[in-house]
Amino acid sequence: MASASSKSLPSAILKRGTYVRSSPADLRSPCPMVNCLANHGYLPRDGRNVRVGDFTSAMNEVGLSSVLGAMFSNPIFLEHRQTALANAAATKPRSFWENVLHYVHNPWAIAFSAFGMRKPGQMDSTGERVLNLDQLGVPNVVEHDVSLSRRDYNQGDNFSPQEDLIRDILAASSDGKVLTAEDLAALRIRRIERQKEDNPDLLYGALQHQLGCGEIALILKVLGDGDKVPCDYVRAVFQEERLPIQEGWSKRRWWTLGIIELKQTGARIKKLIGLEF
């Protein structure tokens, strides 16, 4: 835990890994795990001008493989598609060879252009692509309706953790000690049904469901053993946006979490939920 004195220290002299809760001036995302990484200094603590290398390095700090970390990091640094299309419409169209060069320099754009969140030309003083953590809240890109801990975008605040929803997460535990895959699948079913009632403009289809199931898989695989996760770990991440190191958690030592393993767990969650889109 951070001491009161550490909160007053400039972020530049705080040791990487030291937890300090964010201040109102810091930018944060709708994702509690990303916010944990910023609060521990694995991402820029102020949430501004984050580089793709910062993201891939931070993903390793919670045990993701370099390939999976790249899959999470690189697509979001593509230009936001709607903004990019509007910008392209106002300028001269690219020639064939200009398009070829564009995709040579941005190979992730071939398959992942829909996940871009960066503004056109958003770079730091060295020419590196950057984005701010609050840009992860751009609706219907990676952020989606029926979050476990946030309200939907159309409800007015898709960024802030909601105490009642976090209580619902913890209360989903069958024994009060751990959250199992079955507990979390049942919770997602309840969240979907609730949001159908609470949000008349709900957008929740196959893509959003896939992302939601993948998030549960990440909770189980990053914080737990794949089948269950201690409630204390979930409480630290969702309530304090802190890695649960003092509760006993540590990242994987002998192997990293890869695409196949995550996909298998996500498929299991989808089967437990049993909904088709």
C-alpha atoms as a PDB file:
ATOM      1  CA  MET A   1       0.000   0.000   0.000  1.00  0.00           C
ATOM      2  CA  ALA A   2       1.144   3.556  -0.621  1.00  0.00           C
ATOM      3  CA  SER A   3       1.916   5.723   2.375  1.00  0.00           C
ATOM      4  CA  ALA A   4       0.542   9.230   2.705  1.00  0.00           C
ATOM      5  CA  SER A   5       4.022  10.611   2.077  1.00  0.00           C
ATOM      6  CA  SER A   6       4.478   8.659  -1.151  1.00  0.00           C
ATOM      7  CA  LYS A   7       1.357  10.240  -2.572  1.00  0.00           C
ATOM      8  CA  SER A   8       3.024  13.648  -2.376  1.00  0.00           C
ATOM      9  CA  LEU A   9       6.153  12.522  -4.210  1.00  0.00           C
ATOM     10  CA  PRO A  10       6.615  13.429  -7.893  1.00  0.00           C
ATOM     11  CA  SER A  11       5.856  10.419 -10.056  1.00  0.00           C
ATOM     12  CA  ALA A  12       9.313  10.672 -11.660  1.00  0.00           C
ATOM     13  CA  ILE A  13      11.039   9.580  -8.441  1.00  0.00           C
ATOM     14  CA  LEU A  14       8.585   6.855  -7.427  1.00  0.00           C
ATOM     15  CA  LYS A  15       9.976   3.366  -7.881  1.00  0.00           C
ATOM     16  CA  ARG A  16       8.398   1.381 -10.715  1.00  0.00           C
ATOM     17  CA  GLY A  17       5.998  -1.063  -9.095  1.00  0.00           C
ATOM     18  CA  THR A  18       5.150   1.180  -6.149  1.00  0.00           C
ATOM     19  CA  TYR A  19       1.397   1.605  -5.769  1.00  0.00           C
ATOM     20  CA  VAL A  20      -0.037   5.096  -5.489  1.00  0.00           C
ATOM     21  CA  ARG A  21      -3.720   5.718  -6.051  1.00  0.00           C
ATOM     22  CA  SER A  22      -4.431   8.086  -8.930  1.00  0.00           C
ATOM     23  CA  SER A  23      -5.207  11.752  -8.317  1.00  0.00           C
ATOM     24  CA  PRO A  24      -8.124  13.656  -9.896  1.00  0.00           C
ATOM     25  CA  ALA A  25      -5.641  15.202 -12.349  1.00  0.00           C
ATOM     26  CA  ASP A  26      -4.530  11.808 -13.673  1.00  0.00           C
ATOM     27  CA  LEU A  27      -6.218  10.222 -16.679  1.00  0.00           C
ATOM     28  CA  ARG A  28      -7.552   6.697 -16.306  1.00  0.00           C
ATOM     29  CA  SER A  29      -9.391   4.125 -18.428  1.00  0.00           C
ATOM     30  CA  PRO A  30     -12.571   2.104 -17.889  1.00  0.00           C
ATOM     31  CA  CYS A  31     -10.384  -1.004 -17.389  1.00  0.00           C
ATOM     32  CA  PRO A  32      -9.408  -1.650 -13.758  1.00  0.00           C
ATOM     33  CA  MET A  33      -6.358  -3.738 -14.718  1.00  0.00           C
ATOM     34  CA  VAL A  34      -4.956  -1.000 -16.976  1.00  0.00           C
ATOM     35  CA  ASN A  35      -5.532   1.463 -14.136  1.00  0.00           C
ATOM     36  CA  CYS A  36      -3.702  -0.878 -11.746  1.00  0.00           C
ATOM     37  CA  LEU A  37      -0.709  -0.855 -14.077  1.00  0.00           C
ATOM     38  CA  ALA A  38      -0.709   2.949 -14.133  1.00  0.00           C
ATOM     39  CA  ASN A  39      -1.110   3.174 -10.350  1.00  0.00           C
ATOM     40  CA  HIS A  40       1.951   0.941  -9.982  1.00  0.00           C
ATOM     41  CA  GLY A  41       3.973   2.978 -12.484  1.00  0.00           C
ATOM     42  CA  TYR A  42       4.143   0.268 -15.144  1.00  0.00           C
ATOM     43  CA  LEU A  43       2.301   2.760 -17.357  1.00  0.00           C
ATOM     44  CA  PRO A  44       2.797   6.536 -17.079  1.00  0.00           C
ATOM     45  CA  ARG A  45       1.227   7.500 -13.766  1.00  0.00           C
ATOM     46  CA  ASP A  46      -0.517  10.565 -15.159  1.00  0.00           C
ATOM     47  CA  GLY A  47      -2.085   8.462 -17.931  1.00  0.00           C
ATOM     48  CA  ARG A  48      -0.812  10.747 -20.686  1.00  0.00           C
ATOM     49  CA  ASN A  49       1.292  10.139 -23.797  1.00  0.00           C
ATOM     50  CA  VAL A  50       1.455   6.382 -23.336  1.00  0.00           C
ATOM     51  CA  ARG A  51       3.556   4.591 -25.964  1.00  0.00           C
ATOM     52  CA  VAL A  52       2.812   1.196 -27.431  1.00  0.00           C
ATOM     53  CA  GLY A  53       6.040  -0.078 -25.853  1.00  0.00           C
ATOM     54  CA  ASP A  54       4.747   1.007 -22.451  1.00  0.00           C
ATOM     55  CA  PHE A  55       1.671  -1.154 -22.967  1.00  0.00           C
ATOM     56  CA  THR A  56       3.493  -4.253 -24.148  1.00  0.00           C
ATOM     57  CA  SER A  57       5.969  -3.989 -21.258  1.00  0.00           C
ATOM     58  CA  ALA A  58       3.141  -3.502 -18.749  1.00  0.00           C
ATOM     59  CA  MET A  59       1.287  -6.564 -20.057  1.00  0.00           C
ATOM     60  CA  ASN A  60       4.340  -8.639 -19.161  1.00  0.00           C
ATOM     61  CA  GLU A  61       4.114  -7.417 -15.576  1.00  0.00           C
ATOM     62  CA  VAL A  62       0.866  -9.360 -15.141  1.00  0.00           C
ATOM     63  CA  GLY A  63       2.133 -12.474 -16.900  1.00  0.00           C
ATOM     64  CA  LEU A  64       0.956 -12.091 -20.501  1.00  0.00           C
ATOM     65  CA  SER A  65       3.128 -13.440 -23.285  1.00  0.00           C
ATOM     66  CA  SER A  66       4.830 -10.982 -25.616  1.00  0.00           C
ATOM     67  CA  VAL A  67       2.545 -12.078 -28.475  1.00  0.00           C
ATOM     68  CA  LEU A  68      -0.653 -11.694 -26.448  1.00  0.00           C
ATOM     69  CA  GLY A  69       0.589  -8.389 -25.052  1.00  0.00           C
ATOM     70  CA  ALA A  70       1.232  -7.170 -28.604  1.00  0.00           C
ATOM     71  CA  MET A  71      -2.253  -8.256 -29.664  1.00  0.00           C
ATOM     72  CA  PHE A  72      -3.759  -6.178 -26.862  1.00  0.00           C
ATOM     73  CA  SER A  73      -1.455  -3.187 -27.351  1.00  0.00           C
ATOM     74  CA  ASN A  74      -0.823  -2.598 -31.064  1.00  0.00           C
ATOM     75  CA  PRO A  75      -4.415  -2.417 -32.360  1.00  0.00           C
ATOM     76  CA  ILE A  76      -5.461   0.362 -29.968  1.00  0.00           C
ATOM     77  CA  PHE A  77      -2.614   2.547 -31.283  1.00  0.00           C
ATOM     78  CA  LEU A  78      -4.127   2.530 -34.771  1.00  0.00           C
ATOM     79  CA  GLU A  79      -6.103   5.625 -35.673  1.00  0.00           C
ATOM     80  CA  HIS A  80      -9.702   5.625 -34.539  1.00  0.00           C
ATOM     81  CA  ARG A  81     -11.566   4.427 -37.600  1.00  0.00           C
ATOM     82  CA  GLN A  82     -14.386   6.983 -37.712  1.00  0.00           C
ATOM     83  CA  THR A  83     -11.996   9.853 -37.062  1.00  0.00           C
ATOM     84  CA  ALA A  84      -9.546   8.506 -39.617  1.00  0.00           C
ATOM     85  CA  LEU A  85     -12.276   8.095 -42.241  1.00  0.00           C
ATOM     86  CA  ALA A  86     -13.476  11.643 -41.687  1.00  0.00           C
ATOM     87  CA  ASN A  87      -9.906  12.898 -41.941  1.00  0.00           C
ATOM     88  CA  ALA A  88      -9.327  10.899 -45.131  1.00  0.00           C
ATOM     89  CA  ALA A  89     -12.487  12.290 -46.707  1.00  0.00           C
ATOM     90  CA  ALA A  90     -11.160  15.809 -46.242  1.00  0.00           C
ATOM     91  CA  THR A  91      -7.805  15.051 -47.860  1.00  0.00           C
ATOM     92  CA  LYS A  92      -6.526  13.626 -51.123  1.00  0.00           C
ATOM     93  CA  PRO A  93      -7.073   9.834 -51.306  1.00  0.00           C
ATOM     94  CA  ARG A  94      -3.957   7.656 -51.029  1.00  0.00           C
ATOM     95  CA  SER A  95      -2.624   6.092 -54.203  1.00  0.00           C
ATOM     96  CA  PHE A  96      -2.214   2.311 -54.500  1.00  0.00           C
ATOM     97  CA  TRP A  97       1.452   2.460 -53.534  1.00  0.00           C
ATOM     98  CA  GLU A  98       0.750   4.891 -50.719  1.00  0.00           C
ATOM     99  CA  ASN A  99      -1.745   2.349 -49.406  1.00  0.00           C
ATOM    100  CA  VAL A 100       0.860  -0.417 -49.704  1.00  0.00           C
ATOM    101  CA  LEU A 101       3.369   1.646 -47.705  1.00  0.00           C
ATOM    102  CA  HIS A 102       0.683   2.506 -45.147  1.00  0.00           C
ATOM    103  CA  TYR A 103       0.019  -1.174 -44.416  1.00  0.00           C
ATOM    104  CA  VAL A 104       3.728  -2.057 -44.458  1.00  0.00           C
ATOM    105  CA  HIS A 105       4.242   0.470 -41.674  1.00  0.00           C
ATOM    106  CA  ASN A 106       0.954  -0.449 -39.945  1.00  0.00           C
ATOM    107  CA  PRO A 107       0.500  -4.224 -40.428  1.00  0.00           C
ATOM    108  CA  TRP A 108      -1.966  -4.403 -37.542  1.00  0.00           C
ATOM    109  CA  ALA A 109      -4.346  -2.213 -39.569  1.00  0.00           C
ATOM    110  CA  ILE A 110      -5.005  -5.089 -41.961  1.00  0.00           C
ATOM    111  CA  ALA A 111      -7.053  -7.067 -39.446  1.00  0.00           C
ATOM    112  CA  PHE A 112      -7.523  -4.786 -36.432  1.00  0.00           C
ATOM    113  CA  SER A 113      -8.444  -1.350 -37.782  1.00  0.00           C
ATOM    114  CA  ALA A 114     -11.773  -1.428 -35.913  1.00  0.00           C
ATOM    115  CA  PHE A 115      -9.928  -1.325 -32.578  1.00  0.00           C
ATOM    116  CA  GLY A 116      -7.933   1.865 -33.162  1.00  0.00           C
ATOM    117  CA  MET A 117      -8.308   4.636 -30.579  1.00  0.00           C
ATOM    118  CA  ARG A 118      -5.530   7.069 -31.442  1.00  0.00           C
ATOM    119  CA  LYS A 119      -6.318  10.462 -32.942  1.00  0.00           C
ATOM    120  CA  PRO A 120      -4.798  11.183 -36.371  1.00  0.00           C
ATOM    121  CA  GLY A 121      -1.304  12.591 -35.887  1.00  0.00           C
ATOM    122  CA  GLN A 122      -1.262  11.891 -32.150  1.00  0.00           C
ATOM    123  CA  MET A 123       2.469  11.531 -31.457  1.00  0.00           C
ATOM    124  CA  ASP A 124       4.977  12.685 -28.888  1.00  0.00           C
ATOM    125  CA  SER A 125       7.914  15.019 -29.502  1.00  0.00           C
ATOM    126  CA  THR A 126      10.052  12.132 -30.809  1.00  0.00           C
ATOM    127  CA  GLY A 127       7.467  11.029 -33.377  1.00  0.00           C
ATOM    128  CA  GLU A 128       6.319   7.981 -31.384  1.00  0.00           C
ATOM    129  CA  ARG A 129       2.630   7.113 -31.514  1.00  0.00           C
ATOM    130  CA  VAL A 130       0.930   7.839 -28.184  1.00  0.00           C
ATOM    131  CA  LEU A 131      -2.490   7.921 -26.629  1.00  0.00           C
ATOM    132  CA  ASN A 132      -3.974   8.869 -23.269  1.00  0.00           C
ATOM    133  CA  LEU A 133      -5.591   6.277 -21.037  1.00  0.00           C
ATOM    134  CA  ASP A 134      -8.986   7.984 -21.131  1.00  0.00           C
ATOM    135  CA  GLN A 135      -9.087   7.272 -24.874  1.00  0.00           C
ATOM    136  CA  LEU A 136      -9.698   3.626 -24.001  1.00  0.00           C
ATOM    137  CA  GLY A 137     -13.191   4.793 -23.079  1.00  0.00           C
ATOM    138  CA  VAL A 138     -14.113   5.629 -26.676  1.00  0.00           C
ATOM    139  CA  PRO A 139     -17.447   3.776 -26.925  1.00  0.00           C
ATOM    140  CA  ASN A 140     -17.917   0.604 -28.947  1.00  0.00           C
ATOM    141  CA  VAL A 141     -14.258   0.023 -29.777  1.00  0.00           C
ATOM    142  CA  VAL A 142     -12.805  -2.064 -26.939  1.00  0.00           C
ATOM    143  CA  GLU A 143     -15.012  -0.426 -24.312  1.00  0.00           C
ATOM    144  CA  HIS A 144     -18.450  -2.003 -24.499  1.00  0.00           C
ATOM    145  CA  ASP A 145     -21.834  -2.117 -22.812  1.00  0.00           C
ATOM    146  CA  VAL A 146     -22.434  -4.534 -19.919  1.00  0.00           C
ATOM    147  CA  SER A 147     -19.163  -4.031 -18.099  1.00  0.00           C
ATOM    148  CA  LEU A 148     -18.906  -5.873 -14.805  1.00  0.00           C
ATOM    149  CA  SER A 149     -17.936  -2.721 -12.891  1.00  0.00           C
ATOM    150  CA  ARG A 150     -18.912   0.287 -15.051  1.00  0.00           C
ATOM    151  CA  ARG A 151     -22.173   1.732 -16.354  1.00  0.00           C
ATOM    152  CA  ASP A 152     -22.847   1.816 -20.078  1.00  0.00           C
ATOM    153  CA  TYR A 153     -21.764   4.824 -22.139  1.00  0.00           C
ATOM    154  CA  ASN A 154     -25.389   5.864 -22.709  1.00  0.00           C
ATOM    155  CA  GLN A 155     -25.945   5.935 -18.955  1.00  0.00           C
ATOM    156  CA  GLY A 156     -23.572   8.882 -18.655  1.00  0.00           C
ATOM    157  CA  ASP A 157     -20.377   7.482 -17.112  1.00  0.00           C
ATOM    158  CA  ASN A 158     -18.536   4.492 -18.554  1.00  0.00           C
ATOM    159  CA  PHE A 159     -15.273   5.338 -16.739  1.00  0.00           C
ATOM    160  CA  SER A 160     -15.892   5.348 -13.006  1.00  0.00           C
ATOM    161  CA  PRO A 161     -15.973   2.155 -10.923  1.00  0.00           C
ATOM    162  CA  GLN A 162     -19.422   1.705  -9.432  1.00  0.00           C
ATOM    163  CA  GLU A 163     -19.530   0.555  -5.813  1.00  0.00           C
ATOM    164  CA  ASP A 164     -22.827  -1.299  -6.199  1.00  0.00           C
ATOM    165  CA  LEU A 165     -21.540  -3.256  -9.202  1.00  0.00           C
ATOM    166  CA  ILE A 166     -18.308  -4.150  -7.411  1.00  0.00           C
ATOM    167  CA  ARG A 167     -20.375  -5.361  -4.445  1.00  0.00           C
ATOM    168  CA  ASP A 168     -22.354  -7.482  -6.917  1.00  0.00           C
ATOM    169  CA  ILE A 169     -19.116  -9.003  -8.230  1.00  0.00           C
ATOM    170  CA  LEU A 170     -17.948  -9.994  -4.759  1.00  0.00           C
ATOM    171  CA  ALA A 171     -21.419 -11.175  -3.744  1.00  0.00           C
ATOM    172  CA  ALA A 172     -21.423 -13.534  -6.744  1.00  0.00           C
ATOM    173  CA  SER A 173     -19.008 -15.810  -4.881  1.00  0.00           C
ATOM    174  CA  SER A 174     -20.721 -19.026  -3.799  1.00  0.00           C
ATOM    175  CA  ASP A 175     -18.604 -19.357  -0.647  1.00  0.00           C
ATOM    176  CA  GLY A 176     -17.478 -15.767  -0.002  1.00  0.00           C
ATOM    177  CA  LYS A 177     -13.832 -16.751  -0.484  1.00  0.00           C
ATOM    178  CA  VAL A 178     -13.315 -17.349  -4.191  1.00  0.00           C
ATOM    179  CA  LEU A 179     -15.064 -16.516  -7.440  1.00  0.00           C
ATOM    180  CA  THR A 180     -15.280 -19.522  -9.726  1.00  0.00           C
ATOM    181  CA  ALA A 181     -15.746 -19.578 -13.486  1.00  0.00           C
ATOM    182  CA  GLU A 182     -19.345 -20.616 -12.840  1.00  0.00           C
ATOM    183  CA  ASP A 183     -19.876 -17.709 -10.419  1.00  0.00           C
ATOM    184  CA  LEU A 184     -18.563 -15.178 -12.946  1.00  0.00           C
ATOM    185  CA  ALA A 185     -20.549 -16.677 -15.831  1.00  0.00           C
ATOM    186  CA  ALA A 186     -23.747 -16.455 -13.783  1.00  0.00           C
ATOM    187  CA  LEU A 187     -22.872 -12.866 -12.872  1.00  0.00           C
ATOM    188  CA  ARG A 188     -22.504 -11.919 -16.537  1.00  0.00           C
ATOM    189  CA  ILE A 189     -25.920 -13.400 -17.309  1.00  0.00           C
ATOM    190  CA  ARG A 190     -27.438 -11.243 -14.562  1.00  0.00           C
ATOM    191  CA  ARG A 191     -25.600  -8.145 -15.807  1.00  0.00           C
ATOM    192  CA  ILE A 192     -26.878  -8.664 -19.350  1.00  0.00           C
ATOM    193  CA  GLU A 193     -30.458  -9.011 -18.151  1.00  0.00           C
ATOM    194  CA  ARG A 194     -30.164  -5.974 -15.894  1.00  0.00           C
ATOM    195  CA  GLN A 195     -28.750  -3.775 -18.630  1.00  0.00           C
ATOM    196  CA  LYS A 196     -31.511  -4.804 -21.015  1.00  0.00           C
ATOM    197  CA  GLU A 197     -33.847  -3.170 -18.519  1.00  0.00           C
ATOM    198  CA  ASP A 198     -31.683  -0.214 -17.493  1.00  0.00           C
ATOM    199  CA  ASN A 199     -30.329   0.842 -20.907  1.00  0.00           C
ATOM    200  CA  PRO A 200     -32.910   1.154 -23.713  1.00  0.00           C
ATOM    201  CA  ASP A 201     -30.060   1.850 -26.151  1.00  0.00           C
ATOM    202  CA  LEU A 202     -28.064  -1.225 -25.161  1.00  0.00           C
ATOM    203  CA  LEU A 203     -25.536  -2.400 -27.751  1.00  0.00           C
ATOM    204  CA  TYR A 204     -24.585  -5.965 -26.945  1.00  0.00           C
ATOM    205  CA  GLY A 205     -24.022  -8.469 -29.713  1.00  0.00           C
ATOM    206  CA  ALA A 206     -21.514 -11.143 -30.683  1.00  0.00           C
ATOM    207  CA  LEU A 207     -18.428  -8.882 -30.524  1.00  0.00           C
ATOM    208  CA  GLN A 208     -19.337  -7.372 -27.157  1.00  0.00           C
ATOM    209  CA  HIS A 209     -20.110 -10.814 -25.756  1.00  0.00           C
ATOM    210  CA  GLN A 210     -16.779 -12.140 -27.003  1.00  0.00           C
ATOM    211  CA  LEU A 211     -14.963  -9.251 -25.304  1.00  0.00           C
ATOM    212  CA  GLY A 212     -16.938  -9.739 -22.093  1.00  0.00           C
ATOM    213  CA  CYS A 213     -16.156 -13.445 -21.926  1.00  0.00           C
ATOM    214  CA  GLY A 214     -12.507 -12.692 -22.678  1.00  0.00           C
ATOM    215  CA  GLU A 215     -12.401 -10.272 -19.748  1.00  0.00           C
ATOM    216  CA  ILE A 216     -13.646 -12.965 -17.380  1.00  0.00           C
ATOM    217  CA  ALA A 217     -11.037 -15.336 -18.817  1.00  0.00           C
ATOM    218  CA  LEU A 218      -8.338 -12.742 -18.085  1.00  0.00           C
ATOM    219  CA  ILE A 219      -9.552 -12.347 -14.491  1.00  0.00           C
ATOM    220  CA  LEU A 220      -9.355 -16.099 -13.988  1.00  0.00           C
ATOM    221  CA  LYS A 221      -6.016 -16.555 -15.728  1.00  0.00           C
ATOM    222  CA  VAL A 222      -4.150 -13.433 -14.591  1.00  0.00           C
ATOM    223  CA  LEU A 223      -5.413 -13.259 -11.000  1.00  0.00           C
ATOM    224  CA  GLY A 224      -6.372 -16.889 -10.400  1.00  0.00           C
ATOM    225  CA  ASP A 225      -5.595 -20.444 -11.430  1.00  0.00           C
ATOM    226  CA  GLY A 226      -7.952 -20.498 -14.405  1.00  0.00           C
ATOM    227  CA  ASP A 227     -10.838 -22.051 -12.472  1.00  0.00           C
ATOM    228  CA  LYS A 228     -11.194 -19.639  -9.570  1.00  0.00           C
ATOM    229  CA  VAL A 229      -9.806 -16.396  -8.181  1.00  0.00           C
ATOM    230  CA  PRO A 230      -9.675 -15.235  -4.520  1.00  0.00           C
ATOM    231  CA  CYS A 231     -12.219 -12.561  -3.664  1.00  0.00           C
ATOM    232  CA  ASP A 232      -9.467 -10.572  -1.932  1.00  0.00           C
ATOM    233  CA  TYR A 233      -7.592 -10.319  -5.239  1.00  0.00           C
ATOM    234  CA  VAL A 234     -10.704  -9.136  -7.067  1.00  0.00           C
ATOM    235  CA  ARG A 235     -11.456  -6.616  -4.321  1.00  0.00           C
ATOM    236  CA  ALA A 236      -7.965  -5.089  -4.583  1.00  0.00           C
ATOM    237  CA  VAL A 237      -8.115  -4.770  -8.375  1.00  0.00           C
ATOM    238  CA  PHE A 238     -11.672  -3.476  -8.683  1.00  0.00           C
ATOM    239  CA  GLN A 239     -11.987  -1.356  -5.530  1.00  0.00           C
ATOM    240  CA  GLU A 240      -8.484   0.057  -5.111  1.00  0.00           C
ATOM    241  CA  GLU A 241      -7.176  -0.514  -8.654  1.00  0.00           C
ATOM    242  CA  ARG A 242      -4.140  -2.137  -7.082  1.00  0.00           C
ATOM    243  CA  LEU A 243      -2.323  -5.353  -7.918  1.00  0.00           C
ATOM    244  CA  PRO A 244      -3.068  -7.730  -4.990  1.00  0.00           C
ATOM    245  CA  ILE A 245       0.566  -8.344  -4.113  1.00  0.00           C
ATOM    246  CA  GLN A 246       0.055  -7.909  -0.368  1.00  0.00           C
ATOM    247  CA  GLU A 247      -2.756 -10.488  -0.524  1.00  0.00           C
ATOM    248  CA  GLY A 248      -0.348 -13.046  -1.969  1.00  0.00           C
ATOM    249  CA  TRP A 249      -0.692 -12.647  -5.726  1.00  0.00           C
ATOM    250  CA  SER A 250       2.306 -12.771  -8.023  1.00  0.00           C
ATOM    251  CA  LYS A 251       2.589 -13.020 -11.771  1.00  0.00           C
ATOM    252  CA  ARG A 252       3.301 -16.352 -13.426  1.00  0.00           C
ATOM    253  CA  ARG A 253       6.879 -17.508 -13.022  1.00  0.00           C
ATOM    254  CA  TRP A 254       7.344 -20.485 -15.297  1.00  0.00           C
ATOM    255  CA  TRP A 255       5.189 -19.677 -18.321  1.00  0.00           C
ATOM    256  CA  THR A 256       3.269 -16.714 -19.660  1.00  0.00           C
ATOM    257  CA  LEU A 257      -0.374 -16.517 -20.637  1.00  0.00           C
ATOM    258  CA  GLY A 258      -0.708 -17.057 -24.375  1.00  0.00           C
ATOM    259  CA  ILE A 259      -3.405 -16.702 -26.986  1.00  0.00           C
ATOM    260  CA  ILE A 260      -4.477 -20.358 -27.091  1.00  0.00           C
ATOM    261  CA  GLU A 261      -4.792 -20.689 -23.317  1.00  0.00           C
ATOM    262  CA  LEU A 262      -6.827 -17.475 -23.067  1.00  0.00           C
ATOM    263  CA  LYS A 263      -9.025 -18.475 -26.005  1.00  0.00           C
ATOM    264  CA  GLN A 264      -9.775 -21.857 -24.438  1.00  0.00           C
ATOM    265  CA  THR A 265     -10.848 -20.273 -21.158  1.00  0.00           C
ATOM    266  CA  GLY A 266     -12.945 -17.682 -22.989  1.00  0.00           C
ATOM    267  CA  ALA A 267     -14.689 -20.457 -24.922  1.00  0.00           C
ATOM    268  CA  ARG A 268     -15.402 -22.236 -21.652  1.00  0.00           C
ATOM    269  CA  ILE A 269     -16.990 -19.079 -20.211  1.00  0.00           C
ATOM    270  CA  LYS A 270     -19.151 -18.681 -23.321  1.00  0.00           C
ATOM    271  CA  LYS A 271     -20.323 -22.273 -22.945  1.00  0.00           C
ATOM    272  CA  LEU A 272     -21.171 -21.728 -19.284  1.00  0.00           C
ATOM    273  CA  ILE A 273     -23.187 -18.627 -20.146  1.00  0.00           C
ATOM    274  CA  GLY A 274     -24.888 -20.409 -22.997  1.00  0.00           C
ATOM    275  CA  LEU A 275     -26.094 -17.382 -24.945  1.00  0.00           C
ATOM    276  CA  GLU A 276     -25.938 -17.226 -28.732  1.00  0.00           C
ATOM    277  CA  PHE A 277     -25.696 -14.054 -30.822  1.00  0.00           C
END
